[in-house]
Amino acid sequence: MAEQKEQRNKKKGNRDKTREKESEWQERVVQIRRVTKVVKGGKKLSFRAIVIIGNERGQVGVGVGKASDVIGAVKKGVADGKKHLIEVPLTKSNSIPHPINGDGGGAKVMMRPAAPGTGVIAGGAVRTVLELAGVRNILAKQLGSGNPLNNARAAVNALSTLRTLSDVAAERGIPVENLYG
């Protein structure tokens, strides 16, 4: 009897650990849109959800899910976002290492590092991407399209092309000190 209780408690402990791992990821729904498809019998209604997922420690992803109900679309969007995670290099002041531009579809995003205390100065889906990536001080501007999906993808594109000094030094095969001078 005591052994069975121990086994049950172990299983509960494993479930708690997996919940902790899942809870470190934050997910935010940027847009839910009703879409219709014209079929032989009339119109078929479904939902598209754009979801941004991140752990606020340098990992972020954008996912899209479509389903006949909103909850299913959001679940599919979260799964898609986890498949497309990227690593974001952050500085000590929780900013980005250098200015960068990104594009996705018709949207362009311009990002500049900012001094500590500035906050996240960005709008729409770009702001959500930056907050869930863990960026605390940044200036960003959406250019071109106002489409939330394209803007989120443009922000992820920009963040994925960031490089640190140590990355550049390793690529060139020289010490970091030689980059300065």
N, C-alpha and C. Protein backbone atom coordinates (compact mmCIF):
# COMPACT_ATOMS: atom_id res chain seq x y z
N MET A 1 0.83 -1.20 0.00
CA MET A 1 0.00 0.00 0.00
C MET A 1 0.87 1.26 0.00
N ALA A 2 1.88 1.28 0.85
CA ALA A 2 2.77 2.44 0.94
C ALA A 2 3.55 2.64 -0.36
N GLU A 3 3.92 1.51 -1.00
CA GLU A 3 4.64 1.61 -2.27
C GLU A 3 3.78 2.24 -3.36
N GLN A 4 2.49 1.87 -3.35
CA GLN A 4 1.58 2.44 -4.36
C GLN A 4 1.44 3.95 -4.17
N LYS A 5 1.36 4.38 -2.88
CA LYS A 5 1.26 5.81 -2.62
C LYS A 5 2.51 6.54 -3.10
N GLU A 6 3.68 5.92 -2.85
CA GLU A 6 4.94 6.53 -3.30
C GLU A 6 4.96 6.67 -4.82
N GLN A 7 4.51 5.61 -5.53
CA GLN A 7 4.49 5.67 -6.99
C GLN A 7 3.55 6.76 -7.48
N ARG A 8 2.37 6.89 -6.82
CA ARG A 8 1.43 7.93 -7.20
C ARG A 8 2.03 9.31 -6.98
N ASN A 9 2.72 9.48 -5.84
CA ASN A 9 3.34 10.77 -5.54
C ASN A 9 4.44 11.09 -6.55
N LYS A 10 5.21 10.06 -6.97
CA LYS A 10 6.24 10.28 -7.98
C LYS A 10 5.62 10.76 -9.28
N LYS A 11 4.50 10.10 -9.66
CA LYS A 11 3.81 10.52 -10.89
C LYS A 11 3.33 11.96 -10.77
N LYS A 12 2.77 12.31 -9.60
CA LYS A 12 2.32 13.68 -9.38
C LYS A 12 3.49 14.65 -9.48
N GLY A 13 4.62 14.26 -8.89
CA GLY A 13 5.82 15.11 -8.96
C GLY A 13 6.26 15.34 -10.38
N ASN A 14 6.21 14.28 -11.21
CA ASN A 14 6.58 14.42 -12.62
C ASN A 14 5.62 15.36 -13.34
N ARG A 15 4.31 15.25 -13.01
CA ARG A 15 3.33 16.13 -13.63
C ARG A 15 3.58 17.58 -13.22
N ASP A 16 3.93 17.81 -11.95
CA ASP A 16 4.21 19.17 -11.49
C ASP A 16 5.41 19.75 -12.22
N LYS A 17 6.44 18.91 -12.45
CA LYS A 17 7.63 19.39 -13.16
C LYS A 17 7.29 19.76 -14.60
N THR A 18 6.45 18.95 -15.26
CA THR A 18 6.09 19.29 -16.63
C THR A 18 5.24 20.55 -16.66
N ARG A 19 4.39 20.75 -15.65
CA ARG A 19 3.60 21.98 -15.58
C ARG A 19 4.51 23.18 -15.41
N GLU A 20 5.55 23.05 -14.58
CA GLU A 20 6.50 24.15 -14.39
C GLU A 20 7.18 24.49 -15.71
N LYS A 21 7.58 23.45 -16.47
CA LYS A 21 8.22 23.70 -17.76
C LYS A 21 7.27 24.40 -18.71
N GLU A 22 6.00 23.97 -18.71
CA GLU A 22 5.01 24.59 -19.59
C GLU A 22 4.71 26.01 -19.14
N SER A 23 4.70 26.25 -17.83
CA SER A 23 4.30 27.56 -17.33
C SER A 23 5.38 28.62 -17.57
N GLU A 24 6.62 28.21 -17.83
CA GLU A 24 7.66 29.20 -18.10
C GLU A 24 7.39 29.90 -19.45
N TRP A 25 6.62 29.26 -20.31
CA TRP A 25 6.27 29.86 -21.60
C TRP A 25 5.03 30.69 -21.46
N GLN A 26 5.11 31.92 -21.93
CA GLN A 26 3.94 32.78 -21.96
C GLN A 26 3.44 32.82 -23.39
N GLU A 27 2.13 32.85 -23.53
CA GLU A 27 1.56 32.92 -24.87
C GLU A 27 0.56 34.06 -24.92
N ARG A 28 0.62 34.81 -25.99
CA ARG A 28 -0.32 35.92 -26.17
C ARG A 28 -0.94 35.83 -27.56
N VAL A 29 -2.24 35.93 -27.59
CA VAL A 29 -2.96 35.90 -28.86
C VAL A 29 -2.99 37.32 -29.41
N VAL A 30 -2.44 37.51 -30.59
CA VAL A 30 -2.36 38.84 -31.19
C VAL A 30 -3.64 39.12 -31.99
N GLN A 31 -4.13 38.10 -32.68
CA GLN A 31 -5.30 38.32 -33.52
C GLN A 31 -6.07 37.01 -33.68
N ILE A 32 -7.40 37.12 -33.64
CA ILE A 32 -8.27 36.00 -34.00
C ILE A 32 -9.17 36.51 -35.11
N ARG A 33 -9.14 35.83 -36.22
CA ARG A 33 -9.90 36.29 -37.38
C ARG A 33 -10.80 35.16 -37.88
N ARG A 34 -12.03 35.54 -38.20
CA ARG A 34 -12.98 34.58 -38.76
C ARG A 34 -12.74 34.53 -40.26
N VAL A 35 -12.50 33.33 -40.78
CA VAL A 35 -12.26 33.19 -42.21
C VAL A 35 -13.29 32.22 -42.78
N THR A 36 -13.67 32.44 -44.02
CA THR A 36 -14.64 31.56 -44.66
C THR A 36 -14.07 31.02 -45.96
N LYS A 37 -14.51 29.81 -46.27
CA LYS A 37 -14.11 29.17 -47.50
C LYS A 37 -15.39 28.81 -48.23
N VAL A 38 -15.48 29.18 -49.48
CA VAL A 38 -16.68 28.86 -50.25
C VAL A 38 -16.53 27.43 -50.78
N VAL A 39 -17.50 26.59 -50.41
CA VAL A 39 -17.50 25.19 -50.84
C VAL A 39 -18.81 24.92 -51.57
N LYS A 40 -18.96 23.70 -52.05
CA LYS A 40 -20.11 23.32 -52.86
C LYS A 40 -21.44 23.62 -52.15
N GLY A 41 -21.53 23.34 -50.86
CA GLY A 41 -22.79 23.50 -50.13
C GLY A 41 -23.01 24.89 -49.57
N GLY A 42 -22.06 25.81 -49.73
CA GLY A 42 -22.19 27.15 -49.17
C GLY A 42 -20.85 27.65 -48.67
N LYS A 43 -20.86 28.22 -47.47
CA LYS A 43 -19.61 28.75 -46.90
C LYS A 43 -19.23 27.95 -45.67
N LYS A 44 -17.93 27.63 -45.57
CA LYS A 44 -17.41 26.91 -44.40
C LYS A 44 -16.66 27.92 -43.54
N LEU A 45 -17.07 28.07 -42.30
CA LEU A 45 -16.50 29.06 -41.39
C LEU A 45 -15.41 28.43 -40.53
N SER A 46 -14.28 29.13 -40.38
CA SER A 46 -13.23 28.67 -39.46
C SER A 46 -12.53 29.90 -38.87
N PHE A 47 -11.61 29.66 -37.93
CA PHE A 47 -10.93 30.75 -37.24
C PHE A 47 -9.42 30.63 -37.42
N ARG A 48 -8.77 31.80 -37.55
CA ARG A 48 -7.30 31.84 -37.62
C ARG A 48 -6.80 32.62 -36.42
N ALA A 49 -5.89 32.02 -35.68
CA ALA A 49 -5.31 32.68 -34.50
C ALA A 49 -3.82 32.90 -34.72
N ILE A 50 -3.36 34.12 -34.43
CA ILE A 50 -1.93 34.43 -34.46
C ILE A 50 -1.48 34.48 -33.01
N VAL A 51 -0.54 33.61 -32.65
CA VAL A 51 -0.10 33.48 -31.26
C VAL A 51 1.41 33.71 -31.20
N ILE A 52 1.83 34.49 -30.20
CA ILE A 52 3.26 34.70 -29.95
C ILE A 52 3.58 34.03 -28.63
N ILE A 53 4.64 33.23 -28.63
CA ILE A 53 5.03 32.49 -27.44
C ILE A 53 6.47 32.82 -27.10
N GLY A 54 6.75 33.01 -25.81
CA GLY A 54 8.11 33.35 -25.38
C GLY A 54 8.30 33.06 -23.91
N ASN A 55 9.57 33.03 -23.48
CA ASN A 55 9.86 32.76 -22.07
C ASN A 55 10.47 33.97 -21.36
N GLU A 56 10.52 35.11 -22.02
CA GLU A 56 11.09 36.35 -21.47
C GLU A 56 12.55 36.21 -21.07
N ARG A 57 13.24 35.21 -21.62
CA ARG A 57 14.66 35.02 -21.35
C ARG A 57 15.43 34.78 -22.65
N GLY A 58 14.92 35.36 -23.74
CA GLY A 58 15.67 35.27 -24.98
C GLY A 58 15.13 34.28 -26.00
N GLN A 59 14.00 33.66 -25.76
CA GLN A 59 13.41 32.76 -26.74
C GLN A 59 12.01 33.24 -27.09
N VAL A 60 11.70 33.27 -28.38
CA VAL A 60 10.39 33.74 -28.83
C VAL A 60 10.05 33.07 -30.16
N GLY A 61 8.75 32.89 -30.40
CA GLY A 61 8.30 32.31 -31.66
C GLY A 61 6.91 32.80 -32.02
N VAL A 62 6.61 32.82 -33.30
CA VAL A 62 5.30 33.24 -33.80
C VAL A 62 4.64 32.03 -34.46
N GLY A 63 3.39 31.78 -34.09
CA GLY A 63 2.67 30.65 -34.66
C GLY A 63 1.29 31.05 -35.16
N VAL A 64 0.81 30.32 -36.15
CA VAL A 64 -0.52 30.54 -36.70
C VAL A 64 -1.27 29.22 -36.67
N GLY A 65 -2.51 29.27 -36.21
CA GLY A 65 -3.34 28.06 -36.17
C GLY A 65 -4.70 28.33 -36.76
N LYS A 66 -5.23 27.36 -37.50
CA LYS A 66 -6.58 27.48 -38.05
C LYS A 66 -7.39 26.27 -37.62
N ALA A 67 -8.62 26.51 -37.17
CA ALA A 67 -9.50 25.43 -36.76
C ALA A 67 -10.94 25.93 -36.83
N SER A 68 -11.86 25.00 -36.65
CA SER A 68 -13.28 25.36 -36.72
C SER A 68 -13.77 26.06 -35.46
N ASP A 69 -12.96 26.01 -34.38
CA ASP A 69 -13.31 26.75 -33.16
C ASP A 69 -12.09 27.54 -32.69
N VAL A 70 -12.33 28.56 -31.88
CA VAL A 70 -11.26 29.47 -31.45
C VAL A 70 -10.22 28.75 -30.60
N ILE A 71 -10.67 27.93 -29.66
CA ILE A 71 -9.75 27.25 -28.74
C ILE A 71 -8.81 26.32 -29.51
N GLY A 72 -9.33 25.60 -30.48
CA GLY A 72 -8.50 24.72 -31.30
C GLY A 72 -7.48 25.50 -32.11
N ALA A 73 -7.91 26.66 -32.64
CA ALA A 73 -7.00 27.50 -33.42
C ALA A 73 -5.86 28.02 -32.55
N VAL A 74 -6.17 28.43 -31.30
CA VAL A 74 -5.14 28.94 -30.39
C VAL A 74 -4.17 27.82 -30.02
N LYS A 75 -4.69 26.62 -29.75
CA LYS A 75 -3.80 25.48 -29.43
C LYS A 75 -2.86 25.17 -30.58
N LYS A 76 -3.39 25.18 -31.80
CA LYS A 76 -2.54 24.92 -32.97
C LYS A 76 -1.51 26.02 -33.16
N GLY A 77 -1.91 27.26 -32.87
CA GLY A 77 -0.99 28.39 -32.96
C GLY A 77 0.16 28.27 -31.97
N VAL A 78 -0.16 27.84 -30.74
CA VAL A 78 0.88 27.64 -29.71
C VAL A 78 1.85 26.55 -30.15
N ALA A 79 1.32 25.44 -30.66
CA ALA A 79 2.18 24.34 -31.14
C ALA A 79 3.07 24.82 -32.27
N ASP A 80 2.52 25.61 -33.19
CA ASP A 80 3.30 26.13 -34.32
C ASP A 80 4.37 27.10 -33.83
N GLY A 81 4.03 27.93 -32.84
CA GLY A 81 4.99 28.87 -32.28
C GLY A 81 6.17 28.16 -31.62
N LYS A 82 5.90 27.04 -30.93
CA LYS A 82 6.97 26.28 -30.28
C LYS A 82 7.89 25.64 -31.31
N LYS A 83 7.36 25.34 -32.49
CA LYS A 83 8.19 24.76 -33.56
C LYS A 83 9.13 25.80 -34.16
N HIS A 84 8.74 27.08 -34.10
CA HIS A 84 9.50 28.14 -34.76
C HIS A 84 10.18 29.09 -33.77
N LEU A 85 10.73 28.55 -32.70
CA LEU A 85 11.40 29.37 -31.68
C LEU A 85 12.76 29.85 -32.18
N ILE A 86 13.13 31.06 -31.78
CA ILE A 86 14.46 31.58 -32.08
C ILE A 86 15.11 32.05 -30.78
N GLU A 87 16.43 32.12 -30.78
CA GLU A 87 17.20 32.64 -29.65
C GLU A 87 17.53 34.11 -29.93
N VAL A 88 17.33 34.96 -28.92
CA VAL A 88 17.62 36.38 -29.06
C VAL A 88 18.77 36.75 -28.12
N PRO A 89 19.90 37.24 -28.64
CA PRO A 89 20.99 37.67 -27.77
C PRO A 89 20.63 38.99 -27.09
N LEU A 90 20.65 39.03 -25.77
CA LEU A 90 20.32 40.24 -25.02
C LEU A 90 21.57 40.79 -24.35
N THR A 91 21.63 42.11 -24.19
CA THR A 91 22.73 42.74 -23.47
C THR A 91 22.43 42.75 -21.98
N LYS A 92 23.37 43.26 -21.18
CA LYS A 92 23.16 43.34 -19.73
C LYS A 92 21.98 44.23 -19.37
N SER A 93 21.72 45.24 -20.21
CA SER A 93 20.60 46.15 -19.93
C SER A 93 19.31 45.67 -20.59
N ASN A 94 19.25 44.38 -20.94
CA ASN A 94 18.07 43.79 -21.59
C ASN A 94 17.65 44.55 -22.85
N SER A 95 18.65 44.85 -23.68
CA SER A 95 18.40 45.48 -24.96
C SER A 95 19.01 44.59 -26.04
N ILE A 96 19.05 45.07 -27.28
CA ILE A 96 19.67 44.30 -28.35
C ILE A 96 21.09 44.83 -28.57
N PRO A 97 22.01 44.02 -29.10
CA PRO A 97 23.40 44.44 -29.23
C PRO A 97 23.65 45.55 -30.26
N HIS A 98 22.86 45.64 -31.32
CA HIS A 98 23.10 46.64 -32.36
C HIS A 98 21.80 46.93 -33.11
N PRO A 99 21.74 48.06 -33.84
CA PRO A 99 20.54 48.36 -34.64
C PRO A 99 20.34 47.31 -35.73
N ILE A 100 19.07 47.04 -36.04
CA ILE A 100 18.77 45.98 -37.02
C ILE A 100 17.45 46.29 -37.71
N ASN A 101 17.33 45.84 -38.94
CA ASN A 101 16.08 45.93 -39.69
C ASN A 101 15.64 44.52 -40.05
N GLY A 102 14.33 44.29 -40.11
CA GLY A 102 13.82 42.99 -40.51
C GLY A 102 12.62 43.17 -41.40
N ASP A 103 12.34 42.16 -42.22
CA ASP A 103 11.14 42.24 -43.03
C ASP A 103 10.46 40.88 -43.13
N GLY A 104 9.16 40.95 -43.28
CA GLY A 104 8.33 39.76 -43.42
C GLY A 104 7.12 40.13 -44.25
N GLY A 105 7.01 39.56 -45.43
CA GLY A 105 5.91 39.95 -46.32
C GLY A 105 6.07 41.40 -46.72
N GLY A 106 5.00 42.19 -46.58
CA GLY A 106 5.06 43.60 -46.94
C GLY A 106 5.45 44.49 -45.77
N ALA A 107 5.75 43.88 -44.62
CA ALA A 107 6.07 44.66 -43.42
C ALA A 107 7.57 44.76 -43.22
N LYS A 108 7.99 45.92 -42.76
CA LYS A 108 9.40 46.13 -42.39
C LYS A 108 9.41 46.64 -40.96
N VAL A 109 10.42 46.22 -40.20
CA VAL A 109 10.56 46.65 -38.81
C VAL A 109 11.97 47.16 -38.60
N MET A 110 12.07 48.33 -37.97
CA MET A 110 13.36 48.92 -37.64
C MET A 110 13.52 48.88 -36.12
N MET A 111 14.66 48.37 -35.63
CA MET A 111 14.90 48.27 -34.19
C MET A 111 16.23 48.92 -33.84
N ARG A 112 16.24 49.66 -32.73
CA ARG A 112 17.45 50.31 -32.23
C ARG A 112 17.59 50.00 -30.75
N PRO A 113 18.82 49.72 -30.28
CA PRO A 113 19.00 49.52 -28.84
C PRO A 113 18.75 50.83 -28.10
N ALA A 114 18.35 50.72 -26.82
CA ALA A 114 18.05 51.92 -26.03
C ALA A 114 18.72 51.81 -24.67
N ALA A 115 18.88 52.98 -24.02
CA ALA A 115 19.51 53.04 -22.70
C ALA A 115 18.60 52.41 -21.64
N PRO A 116 19.19 51.96 -20.54
CA PRO A 116 18.37 51.39 -19.45
C PRO A 116 17.35 52.41 -18.95
N GLY A 117 16.13 51.94 -18.73
CA GLY A 117 15.06 52.80 -18.25
C GLY A 117 14.17 53.33 -19.35
N THR A 118 14.53 53.07 -20.61
CA THR A 118 13.74 53.56 -21.73
C THR A 118 12.42 52.82 -21.86
N GLY A 119 12.46 51.50 -21.68
CA GLY A 119 11.27 50.67 -21.86
C GLY A 119 11.14 50.20 -23.29
N VAL A 120 10.05 49.52 -23.57
CA VAL A 120 9.79 49.01 -24.91
C VAL A 120 8.95 50.04 -25.65
N ILE A 121 9.56 50.74 -26.59
CA ILE A 121 8.83 51.72 -27.38
C ILE A 121 8.59 51.08 -28.74
N ALA A 122 7.43 50.45 -28.86
CA ALA A 122 7.04 49.76 -30.08
C ALA A 122 5.53 49.59 -30.04
N GLY A 123 4.96 49.24 -31.17
CA GLY A 123 3.51 49.10 -31.21
C GLY A 123 3.09 47.76 -31.77
N GLY A 124 1.86 47.39 -31.47
CA GLY A 124 1.23 46.22 -32.05
C GLY A 124 1.92 44.91 -31.77
N ALA A 125 2.00 44.08 -32.81
CA ALA A 125 2.57 42.75 -32.68
C ALA A 125 4.07 42.79 -32.38
N VAL A 126 4.75 43.83 -32.85
CA VAL A 126 6.19 43.96 -32.61
C VAL A 126 6.46 44.12 -31.11
N ARG A 127 5.63 44.90 -30.44
CA ARG A 127 5.77 45.09 -29.00
C ARG A 127 5.61 43.76 -28.25
N THR A 128 4.62 42.99 -28.64
CA THR A 128 4.38 41.69 -28.00
C THR A 128 5.56 40.76 -28.20
N VAL A 129 6.10 40.72 -29.42
CA VAL A 129 7.26 39.87 -29.71
C VAL A 129 8.44 40.27 -28.82
N LEU A 130 8.71 41.58 -28.72
CA LEU A 130 9.85 42.06 -27.94
C LEU A 130 9.66 41.78 -26.45
N GLU A 131 8.45 41.99 -25.93
CA GLU A 131 8.21 41.75 -24.50
C GLU A 131 8.37 40.27 -24.17
N LEU A 132 7.85 39.37 -25.01
CA LEU A 132 7.95 37.94 -24.74
C LEU A 132 9.36 37.41 -24.98
N ALA A 133 10.18 38.15 -25.74
CA ALA A 133 11.58 37.76 -25.93
C ALA A 133 12.43 38.16 -24.73
N GLY A 134 11.92 39.06 -23.89
CA GLY A 134 12.67 39.49 -22.72
C GLY A 134 13.39 40.81 -22.92
N VAL A 135 13.12 41.50 -24.01
CA VAL A 135 13.74 42.80 -24.27
C VAL A 135 13.02 43.84 -23.42
N ARG A 136 13.78 44.64 -22.67
CA ARG A 136 13.18 45.64 -21.78
C ARG A 136 13.43 47.09 -22.25
N ASN A 137 14.50 47.32 -23.03
CA ASN A 137 14.86 48.67 -23.48
C ASN A 137 15.14 48.65 -24.97
N ILE A 138 14.22 49.20 -25.75
CA ILE A 138 14.39 49.16 -27.20
C ILE A 138 13.49 50.21 -27.85
N LEU A 139 13.92 50.68 -29.01
CA LEU A 139 13.10 51.55 -29.85
C LEU A 139 12.80 50.77 -31.12
N ALA A 140 11.53 50.68 -31.50
CA ALA A 140 11.17 49.94 -32.71
C ALA A 140 10.09 50.68 -33.47
N LYS A 141 10.10 50.52 -34.78
CA LYS A 141 9.11 51.17 -35.63
C LYS A 141 8.66 50.22 -36.72
N GLN A 142 7.34 50.11 -36.90
CA GLN A 142 6.79 49.31 -37.99
C GLN A 142 6.72 50.20 -39.23
N LEU A 143 7.19 49.68 -40.35
CA LEU A 143 7.13 50.41 -41.61
C LEU A 143 6.42 49.54 -42.64
N GLY A 144 5.69 50.15 -43.53
CA GLY A 144 5.00 49.37 -44.56
C GLY A 144 3.66 48.87 -44.06
N SER A 145 3.47 47.59 -44.13
CA SER A 145 2.18 46.96 -43.83
C SER A 145 1.80 47.06 -42.35
N GLY A 146 0.50 47.09 -42.09
CA GLY A 146 0.01 47.07 -40.72
C GLY A 146 -0.50 45.70 -40.31
N ASN A 147 -0.28 44.70 -41.15
CA ASN A 147 -0.74 43.34 -40.90
C ASN A 147 0.00 42.77 -39.68
N PRO A 148 -0.72 42.34 -38.62
CA PRO A 148 -0.06 41.84 -37.41
C PRO A 148 0.83 40.62 -37.64
N LEU A 149 0.41 39.72 -38.52
CA LEU A 149 1.21 38.51 -38.78
C LEU A 149 2.52 38.88 -39.46
N ASN A 150 2.46 39.71 -40.49
CA ASN A 150 3.69 40.11 -41.20
C ASN A 150 4.60 40.93 -40.29
N ASN A 151 4.03 41.79 -39.45
CA ASN A 151 4.85 42.58 -38.53
C ASN A 151 5.52 41.70 -37.49
N ALA A 152 4.80 40.71 -36.96
CA ALA A 152 5.40 39.79 -35.99
C ALA A 152 6.52 38.98 -36.64
N ARG A 153 6.29 38.53 -37.86
CA ARG A 153 7.33 37.77 -38.57
C ARG A 153 8.53 38.64 -38.91
N ALA A 154 8.29 39.91 -39.23
CA ALA A 154 9.39 40.83 -39.51
C ALA A 154 10.22 41.06 -38.24
N ALA A 155 9.55 41.18 -37.08
CA ALA A 155 10.26 41.35 -35.82
C ALA A 155 11.10 40.12 -35.50
N VAL A 156 10.55 38.95 -35.70
CA VAL A 156 11.29 37.70 -35.46
C VAL A 156 12.46 37.59 -36.42
N ASN A 157 12.25 38.00 -37.67
CA ASN A 157 13.32 37.98 -38.66
C ASN A 157 14.47 38.89 -38.23
N ALA A 158 14.14 40.09 -37.74
CA ALA A 158 15.17 41.02 -37.28
C ALA A 158 15.92 40.45 -36.08
N LEU A 159 15.18 39.92 -35.10
CA LEU A 159 15.82 39.39 -33.89
C LEU A 159 16.69 38.16 -34.19
N SER A 160 16.31 37.39 -35.19
CA SER A 160 17.08 36.18 -35.51
C SER A 160 18.40 36.51 -36.19
N THR A 161 18.52 37.71 -36.79
CA THR A 161 19.77 38.07 -37.48
C THR A 161 20.72 38.86 -36.58
N LEU A 162 20.36 39.05 -35.30
CA LEU A 162 21.26 39.75 -34.38
C LEU A 162 22.50 38.92 -34.10
N ARG A 163 23.64 39.60 -33.94
CA ARG A 163 24.89 38.91 -33.61
C ARG A 163 25.61 39.65 -32.49
N THR A 164 26.25 38.92 -31.61
CA THR A 164 27.02 39.54 -30.53
C THR A 164 28.48 39.68 -30.99
N LEU A 165 29.25 40.43 -30.20
CA LEU A 165 30.68 40.59 -30.52
C LEU A 165 31.40 39.25 -30.52
N SER A 166 31.08 38.41 -29.56
CA SER A 166 31.75 37.10 -29.49
C SER A 166 31.40 36.23 -30.69
N ASP A 167 30.17 36.33 -31.21
CA ASP A 167 29.78 35.58 -32.42
C ASP A 167 30.61 36.03 -33.62
N VAL A 168 30.74 37.35 -33.78
CA VAL A 168 31.49 37.90 -34.91
C VAL A 168 32.97 37.51 -34.81
N ALA A 169 33.51 37.60 -33.60
CA ALA A 169 34.92 37.24 -33.40
C ALA A 169 35.15 35.77 -33.72
N ALA A 170 34.22 34.90 -33.31
CA ALA A 170 34.35 33.47 -33.58
C ALA A 170 34.27 33.19 -35.08
N GLU A 171 33.38 33.88 -35.79
CA GLU A 171 33.27 33.70 -37.24
C GLU A 171 34.55 34.11 -37.95
N ARG A 172 35.17 35.20 -37.50
CA ARG A 172 36.39 35.69 -38.14
C ARG A 172 37.64 34.97 -37.65
N GLY A 173 37.51 34.25 -36.52
CA GLY A 173 38.66 33.52 -35.98
C GLY A 173 39.68 34.41 -35.31
N ILE A 174 39.23 35.51 -34.72
CA ILE A 174 40.13 36.43 -34.02
C ILE A 174 39.59 36.68 -32.62
N PRO A 175 40.45 37.14 -31.70
CA PRO A 175 39.95 37.46 -30.34
C PRO A 175 39.03 38.69 -30.36
N VAL A 176 38.15 38.79 -29.37
CA VAL A 176 37.18 39.89 -29.29
C VAL A 176 37.88 41.24 -29.21
N GLU A 177 39.04 41.29 -28.54
CA GLU A 177 39.76 42.56 -28.37
C GLU A 177 40.19 43.16 -29.72
N ASN A 178 40.48 42.31 -30.70
CA ASN A 178 40.93 42.77 -32.02
C ASN A 178 39.81 43.43 -32.83
N LEU A 179 38.55 43.23 -32.44
CA LEU A 179 37.43 43.84 -33.17
C LEU A 179 37.39 45.35 -32.98
N TYR A 180 37.91 45.81 -31.84
CA TYR A 180 37.81 47.22 -31.52
C TYR A 180 38.84 48.09 -32.25
N GLY A 181 39.94 47.48 -32.69
CA GLY A 181 40.87 48.39 -33.13
C GLY A 181 41.77 48.35 -34.22
